Amino acid sequence: MPRRASFRFLGDQMNLVFHDLDREDEEHCEIQALLRSGYGMTFKPDRALEPLRRGFEACPHCAAVFDSDLPSAHPERLAAPSFRDRGHSATP
């Protein structure tokens, strides 16, 4: 999907989930509703690592996080929501 905004990543402040507008799944992500709600937020820098640093989790429908998105000094930040949902911590 072509980008409609000057930013790529959009966070949902109510659910602490972030979306990748370049990969939006229109059926599941409901970006327009999020923008209308006033709970959407952008990130600077506009990279996948920034919402992760702020405690957001990647949307399972559009926001894949790859090792290349993360600094090599902090691979533990890759912990997927499903890993945390099983009661595991992202830190040793």
C-alpha atoms as a PDB file:
ATOM      1  CA  MET A   1       0.000   0.000   0.000  1.00  0.00           C
ATOM      2  CA  PRO A   2       1.384   3.449  -0.835  1.00  0.00           C
ATOM      3  CA  ARG A   3       2.260   5.612   2.121  1.00  0.00           C
ATOM      4  CA  ARG A   4      -0.379   8.274   2.832  1.00  0.00           C
ATOM      5  CA  ALA A   5       1.543  10.195   5.454  1.00  0.00           C
ATOM      6  CA  SER A   6       4.970  11.659   6.078  1.00  0.00           C
ATOM      7  CA  PHE A   7       5.624   9.021   8.747  1.00  0.00           C
ATOM      8  CA  ARG A   8       5.847   5.245   8.577  1.00  0.00           C
ATOM      9  CA  PHE A   9       5.126   4.035  12.118  1.00  0.00           C
ATOM     10  CA  LEU A  10       1.969   4.939  14.036  1.00  0.00           C
ATOM     11  CA  GLY A  11       1.368   4.007  17.666  1.00  0.00           C
ATOM     12  CA  ASP A  12      -1.960   3.308  19.354  1.00  0.00           C
ATOM     13  CA  GLN A  13      -1.631   4.923  22.787  1.00  0.00           C
ATOM     14  CA  MET A  14      -4.633   3.039  24.181  1.00  0.00           C
ATOM     15  CA  ASN A  15      -3.378  -0.460  23.331  1.00  0.00           C
ATOM     16  CA  LEU A  16       0.394   0.225  23.134  1.00  0.00           C
ATOM     17  CA  VAL A  17       0.591  -1.369  19.690  1.00  0.00           C
ATOM     18  CA  PHE A  18       2.365   0.204  16.732  1.00  0.00           C
ATOM     19  CA  HIS A  19       1.567  -0.150  13.044  1.00  0.00           C
ATOM     20  CA  ASP A  20       3.712   0.007   9.911  1.00  0.00           C
ATOM     21  CA  LEU A  21       1.796   2.118   7.385  1.00  0.00           C
ATOM     22  CA  ASP A  22       3.825   0.651   4.522  1.00  0.00           C
ATOM     23  CA  ARG A  23       2.437  -2.805   5.354  1.00  0.00           C
ATOM     24  CA  GLU A  24      -1.009  -1.924   6.741  1.00  0.00           C
ATOM     25  CA  ASP A  25      -3.626  -4.673   6.730  1.00  0.00           C
ATOM     26  CA  GLU A  26      -6.767  -2.606   6.126  1.00  0.00           C
ATOM     27  CA  GLU A  27      -9.060  -5.335   7.450  1.00  0.00           C
ATOM     28  CA  HIS A  28      -7.338  -5.599  10.841  1.00  0.00           C
ATOM     29  CA  CYS A  29      -5.371  -2.412  11.501  1.00  0.00           C
ATOM     30  CA  GLU A  30      -8.102   0.253  11.124  1.00  0.00           C
ATOM     31  CA  ILE A  31      -5.584   3.095  10.787  1.00  0.00           C
ATOM     32  CA  GLN A  32      -8.198   5.683   9.782  1.00  0.00           C
ATOM     33  CA  ALA A  33     -10.222   4.968  12.936  1.00  0.00           C
ATOM     34  CA  LEU A  34      -7.059   5.269  15.029  1.00  0.00           C
ATOM     35  CA  LEU A  35      -6.229   8.631  13.468  1.00  0.00           C
ATOM     36  CA  ARG A  36      -9.793   9.902  14.062  1.00  0.00           C
ATOM     37  CA  SER A  37      -9.718   8.742  17.700  1.00  0.00           C
ATOM     38  CA  GLY A  38      -6.884  11.067  18.666  1.00  0.00           C
ATOM     39  CA  TYR A  39      -4.920   8.207  20.256  1.00  0.00           C
ATOM     40  CA  GLY A  40      -2.470   7.786  17.384  1.00  0.00           C
ATOM     41  CA  MET A  41       1.099   8.955  17.847  1.00  0.00           C
ATOM     42  CA  THR A  42       4.150   9.117  15.620  1.00  0.00           C
ATOM     43  CA  PHE A  43       7.745   8.400  16.566  1.00  0.00           C
ATOM     44  CA  LYS A  44      11.047  10.173  16.037  1.00  0.00           C
ATOM     45  CA  PRO A  45      13.141   8.666  14.724  1.00  0.00           C
ATOM     46  CA  ASP A  46      10.571   7.004  12.465  1.00  0.00           C
ATOM     47  CA  ARG A  47      12.027   3.485  12.794  1.00  0.00           C
ATOM     48  CA  ALA A  48      10.675   0.258  14.296  1.00  0.00           C
ATOM     49  CA  LEU A  49      13.073   0.401  17.237  1.00  0.00           C
ATOM     50  CA  GLU A  50      11.647   3.652  18.629  1.00  0.00           C
ATOM     51  CA  PRO A  51       8.154   2.339  19.501  1.00  0.00           C
ATOM     52  CA  LEU A  52       9.769  -0.779  20.992  1.00  0.00           C
ATOM     53  CA  ARG A  53      11.927   1.429  23.213  1.00  0.00           C
ATOM     54  CA  ARG A  54       8.782   3.215  24.370  1.00  0.00           C
ATOM     55  CA  GLY A  55       7.037  -0.004  25.386  1.00  0.00           C
ATOM     56  CA  PHE A  56       4.860  -0.541  22.308  1.00  0.00           C
ATOM     57  CA  GLU A  57       4.425  -3.970  20.751  1.00  0.00           C
ATOM     58  CA  ALA A  58       4.380  -4.610  17.016  1.00  0.00           C
ATOM     59  CA  CYS A  59       0.980  -5.152  15.394  1.00  0.00           C
ATOM     60  CA  PRO A  60       0.853  -8.831  14.396  1.00  0.00           C
ATOM     61  CA  HIS A  61      -0.812  -7.901  11.096  1.00  0.00           C
ATOM     62  CA  CYS A  62       1.535  -5.232   9.762  1.00  0.00           C
ATOM     63  CA  ALA A  63       4.556  -4.406  11.900  1.00  0.00           C
ATOM     64  CA  ALA A  64       7.127  -7.150  11.618  1.00  0.00           C
ATOM     65  CA  VAL A  65      10.317  -6.428  13.547  1.00  0.00           C
ATOM     66  CA  PHE A  66      13.516  -7.848  12.104  1.00  0.00           C
ATOM     67  CA  ASP A  67      16.969  -8.268  13.620  1.00  0.00           C
ATOM     68  CA  SER A  68      18.198  -5.556  11.240  1.00  0.00           C
ATOM     69  CA  ASP A  69      15.840  -3.065  12.971  1.00  0.00           C
ATOM     70  CA  LEU A  70      17.652  -3.529  16.264  1.00  0.00           C
ATOM     71  CA  PRO A  71      21.060  -2.410  17.455  1.00  0.00           C
ATOM     72  CA  SER A  72      23.364  -5.404  17.825  1.00  0.00           C
ATOM     73  CA  ALA A  73      24.099  -4.404  21.420  1.00  0.00           C
ATOM     74  CA  HIS A  74      20.455  -4.972  22.430  1.00  0.00           C
ATOM     75  CA  PRO A  75      19.113  -8.135  20.756  1.00  0.00           C
ATOM     76  CA  GLU A  76      16.829  -8.729  23.739  1.00  0.00           C
ATOM     77  CA  ARG A  77      14.558  -5.943  22.455  1.00  0.00           C
ATOM     78  CA  LEU A  78      13.352  -8.309  19.738  1.00  0.00           C
ATOM     79  CA  ALA A  79      11.102 -10.185  22.190  1.00  0.00           C
ATOM     80  CA  ALA A  80       7.837 -10.750  20.363  1.00  0.00           C
ATOM     81  CA  PRO A  81       4.511 -10.159  22.126  1.00  0.00           C
ATOM     82  CA  SER A  82       3.779 -13.882  21.991  1.00  0.00           C
ATOM     83  CA  PHE A  83       7.014 -14.552  23.912  1.00  0.00           C
ATOM     84  CA  ARG A  84       6.029 -12.090  26.656  1.00  0.00           C
ATOM     85  CA  ASP A  85       2.453 -13.383  26.676  1.00  0.00           C
ATOM     86  CA  ARG A  86       3.792 -16.760  27.792  1.00  0.00           C
ATOM     87  CA  GLY A  87       5.099 -15.139  30.970  1.00  0.00           C
ATOM     88  CA  HIS A  88       8.737 -14.839  29.900  1.00  0.00           C
ATOM     89  CA  SER A  89      10.811 -11.729  30.333  1.00  0.00           C
ATOM     90  CA  ALA A  90      12.706 -10.114  27.477  1.00  0.00           C
ATOM     91  CA  THR A  91      15.700  -9.624  29.765  1.00  0.00           C
ATOM     92  CA  PRO A  92      17.812 -12.413  31.287  1.00  0.00           C
END
